[in-house]
C-alpha cells in the first residue's frame, strides 16, 4: 500500500522579494546601511570605567 501526502490547495501567495537599495550598492538590502552605521557607532563608544577596571584586574592576574 502506498500513501501520498498532498498539500491543500489554496490561494497562491507570491514570495516577497527582498528590498534592495535603488542605487544598486552591491545588491545589499536597504536596511544594511543603517545597521552598519549603528554597529560603527557602538564601536566608537568608550568602555564604562567598571568594565575597564575589570579588564585591568584580569590582565594583572595573568602576570602573577
N, C-alpha and C. Protein backbone atom coordinates (compact mmCIF):
# COMPACT_ATOMS: atom_id res chain seq x y z
N UNK A 1 0.85 -1.17 0.00
CA UNK A 1 0.00 0.00 0.00
C UNK A 1 0.90 1.24 0.00
N UNK A 2 0.57 2.19 -0.80
CA UNK A 2 1.38 3.41 -0.93
C UNK A 2 0.54 4.61 -0.53
N UNK A 3 1.15 5.46 0.29
CA UNK A 3 0.46 6.67 0.72
C UNK A 3 1.14 7.88 0.09
N UNK A 4 0.37 8.80 -0.30
CA UNK A 4 0.91 10.04 -0.87
C UNK A 4 0.40 11.21 -0.04
N UNK A 5 1.32 12.05 0.37
CA UNK A 5 0.93 13.24 1.11
C UNK A 5 0.57 14.33 0.11
N UNK A 6 -0.50 14.97 0.36
CA UNK A 6 -0.88 16.05 -0.55
C UNK A 6 -1.00 17.34 0.23
N UNK A 7 -0.69 18.41 -0.43
CA UNK A 7 -0.81 19.73 0.15
C UNK A 7 -2.18 20.28 -0.20
N UNK A 8 -2.83 20.91 0.76
CA UNK A 8 -4.12 21.52 0.43
C UNK A 8 -3.91 22.65 -0.57
N UNK A 9 -4.79 22.72 -1.50
CA UNK A 9 -4.67 23.81 -2.48
C UNK A 9 -5.38 25.03 -1.93
N UNK A 10 -4.72 26.12 -2.04
CA UNK A 10 -5.28 27.37 -1.55
C UNK A 10 -4.81 28.49 -2.44
N UNK A 11 -5.03 29.70 -2.02
CA UNK A 11 -4.59 30.81 -2.85
C UNK A 11 -3.06 30.83 -2.93
N UNK A 12 -2.56 31.08 -4.09
CA UNK A 12 -1.12 31.16 -4.31
C UNK A 12 -0.64 32.52 -3.82
N UNK A 13 0.27 32.50 -2.86
CA UNK A 13 0.82 33.74 -2.34
C UNK A 13 2.23 33.88 -2.88
N UNK A 14 2.47 34.91 -3.67
CA UNK A 14 3.80 35.07 -4.24
C UNK A 14 4.82 35.38 -3.15
N UNK A 15 6.02 34.85 -3.31
CA UNK A 15 7.08 35.13 -2.35
C UNK A 15 7.54 36.57 -2.52
N UNK A 16 7.72 37.23 -1.38
CA UNK A 16 8.13 38.63 -1.41
C UNK A 16 9.63 38.70 -1.67
N UNK A 17 10.01 39.53 -2.62
CA UNK A 17 11.42 39.73 -2.90
C UNK A 17 11.97 40.73 -1.90
N UNK A 18 13.24 40.55 -1.47
CA UNK A 18 13.81 41.49 -0.51
C UNK A 18 13.95 42.88 -1.12
N UNK A 19 13.83 43.89 -0.25
CA UNK A 19 14.00 45.27 -0.70
C UNK A 19 15.48 45.54 -0.92
N UNK A 20 15.82 46.10 -2.05
CA UNK A 20 17.20 46.43 -2.35
C UNK A 20 17.36 47.93 -2.49
N UNK A 21 18.57 48.40 -2.25
CA UNK A 21 18.85 49.82 -2.43
C UNK A 21 18.65 50.18 -3.88
N UNK A 22 18.00 51.29 -4.15
CA UNK A 22 17.81 51.68 -5.54
C UNK A 22 19.12 52.07 -6.22
N UNK A 23 20.14 52.42 -5.42
CA UNK A 23 21.39 52.83 -6.04
C UNK A 23 22.22 51.63 -6.49
N UNK A 24 21.73 50.42 -6.27
CA UNK A 24 22.41 49.22 -6.74
C UNK A 24 23.71 48.94 -6.02
N UNK A 25 23.79 49.29 -4.78
CA UNK A 25 25.01 49.16 -3.99
C UNK A 25 25.28 47.69 -3.67
N UNK A 26 25.75 46.95 -4.63
CA UNK A 26 26.10 45.57 -4.41
C UNK A 26 24.92 44.66 -4.10
N UNK A 27 23.71 45.12 -4.35
CA UNK A 27 22.54 44.30 -4.08
C UNK A 27 22.25 44.12 -2.60
N UNK A 28 22.77 44.99 -1.75
CA UNK A 28 22.50 44.90 -0.31
C UNK A 28 21.09 45.37 -0.02
N UNK A 29 20.47 44.78 1.00
CA UNK A 29 19.14 45.26 1.38
C UNK A 29 19.21 46.69 1.89
N UNK A 30 18.11 47.39 1.82
CA UNK A 30 18.06 48.79 2.22
C UNK A 30 18.40 49.04 3.67
N UNK A 31 18.17 48.07 4.54
CA UNK A 31 18.42 48.26 5.97
C UNK A 31 19.89 48.03 6.34
N UNK A 32 20.69 47.51 5.42
CA UNK A 32 22.08 47.16 5.74
C UNK A 32 22.90 48.39 6.11
N UNK A 33 22.69 49.51 5.41
CA UNK A 33 23.44 50.73 5.72
C UNK A 33 23.14 51.22 7.13
N UNK A 34 21.87 51.22 7.52
CA UNK A 34 21.50 51.67 8.85
C UNK A 34 22.09 50.78 9.93
N UNK A 35 22.08 49.48 9.70
CA UNK A 35 22.64 48.54 10.66
C UNK A 35 24.15 48.74 10.78
N UNK A 36 24.82 48.95 9.65
CA UNK A 36 26.27 49.18 9.65
C UNK A 36 26.61 50.46 10.42
N UNK A 37 25.82 51.52 10.24
CA UNK A 37 26.07 52.78 10.95
C UNK A 37 25.87 52.60 12.45
N UNK A 38 24.84 51.86 12.84
CA UNK A 38 24.59 51.60 14.25
C UNK A 38 25.75 50.82 14.87
N UNK A 39 26.20 49.79 14.18
CA UNK A 39 27.32 48.97 14.65
C UNK A 39 28.57 49.82 14.82
N UNK A 40 28.87 50.65 13.83
CA UNK A 40 30.06 51.50 13.90
C UNK A 40 29.96 52.51 15.04
N UNK A 41 28.76 53.03 15.30
CA UNK A 41 28.62 53.99 16.39
C UNK A 41 28.83 53.32 17.75
N UNK A 42 28.41 52.06 17.88
CA UNK A 42 28.62 51.33 19.13
C UNK A 42 30.12 51.09 19.34
N UNK A 43 30.84 50.80 18.27
CA UNK A 43 32.29 50.59 18.38
C UNK A 43 33.01 51.84 18.85
N UNK A 44 32.47 53.01 18.55
CA UNK A 44 33.11 54.27 18.90
C UNK A 44 32.85 54.68 20.35
N UNK A 45 31.89 54.04 21.01
CA UNK A 45 31.56 54.40 22.38
C UNK A 45 32.68 53.97 23.33
N UNK A 46 33.00 54.79 24.32
CA UNK A 46 34.05 54.41 25.27
C UNK A 46 33.57 53.30 26.21
N UNK A 47 34.53 52.52 26.72
CA UNK A 47 34.18 51.47 27.68
C UNK A 47 33.78 52.11 29.00
N UNK A 48 32.82 51.56 29.69
CA UNK A 48 32.50 52.05 31.04
C UNK A 48 33.71 51.82 31.96
N UNK A 49 33.88 52.72 32.95
CA UNK A 49 35.02 52.62 33.86
C UNK A 49 35.06 51.27 34.57
N UNK A 50 33.91 50.77 34.98
CA UNK A 50 33.87 49.50 35.71
C UNK A 50 34.37 48.35 34.83
N UNK A 51 34.04 48.39 33.57
CA UNK A 51 34.48 47.34 32.65
C UNK A 51 35.98 47.46 32.40
N UNK A 52 36.46 48.68 32.26
CA UNK A 52 37.88 48.92 32.05
C UNK A 52 38.68 48.44 33.27
N UNK A 53 38.17 48.72 34.48
CA UNK A 53 38.84 48.26 35.71
C UNK A 53 38.88 46.73 35.76
N UNK A 54 37.81 46.09 35.35
CA UNK A 54 37.76 44.63 35.36
C UNK A 54 38.81 44.05 34.39
N UNK A 55 38.92 44.64 33.22
CA UNK A 55 39.92 44.17 32.26
C UNK A 55 41.34 44.34 32.81
N UNK A 56 41.60 45.45 33.51
CA UNK A 56 42.92 45.67 34.10
C UNK A 56 43.21 44.62 35.17
N UNK A 57 42.21 44.28 36.00
CA UNK A 57 42.38 43.25 37.03
C UNK A 57 42.67 41.89 36.39
N UNK A 58 41.97 41.59 35.32
CA UNK A 58 42.21 40.32 34.64
C UNK A 58 43.60 40.27 34.03
N UNK A 59 44.05 41.37 33.44
CA UNK A 59 45.39 41.41 32.87
C UNK A 59 46.45 41.28 33.96
N UNK A 60 46.19 41.91 35.12
CA UNK A 60 47.14 41.84 36.23
C UNK A 60 47.27 40.40 36.73
N UNK A 61 46.16 39.67 36.73
CA UNK A 61 46.14 38.28 37.18
C UNK A 61 46.96 37.37 36.28
N UNK A 62 47.09 37.69 35.01
CA UNK A 62 47.87 36.88 34.09
C UNK A 62 49.36 36.96 34.40
N UNK A 63 49.82 38.11 34.88
CA UNK A 63 51.25 38.32 35.16
C UNK A 63 51.72 37.54 36.38
N UNK A 64 50.82 37.19 37.29
CA UNK A 64 51.20 36.51 38.53
C UNK A 64 51.67 35.09 38.28
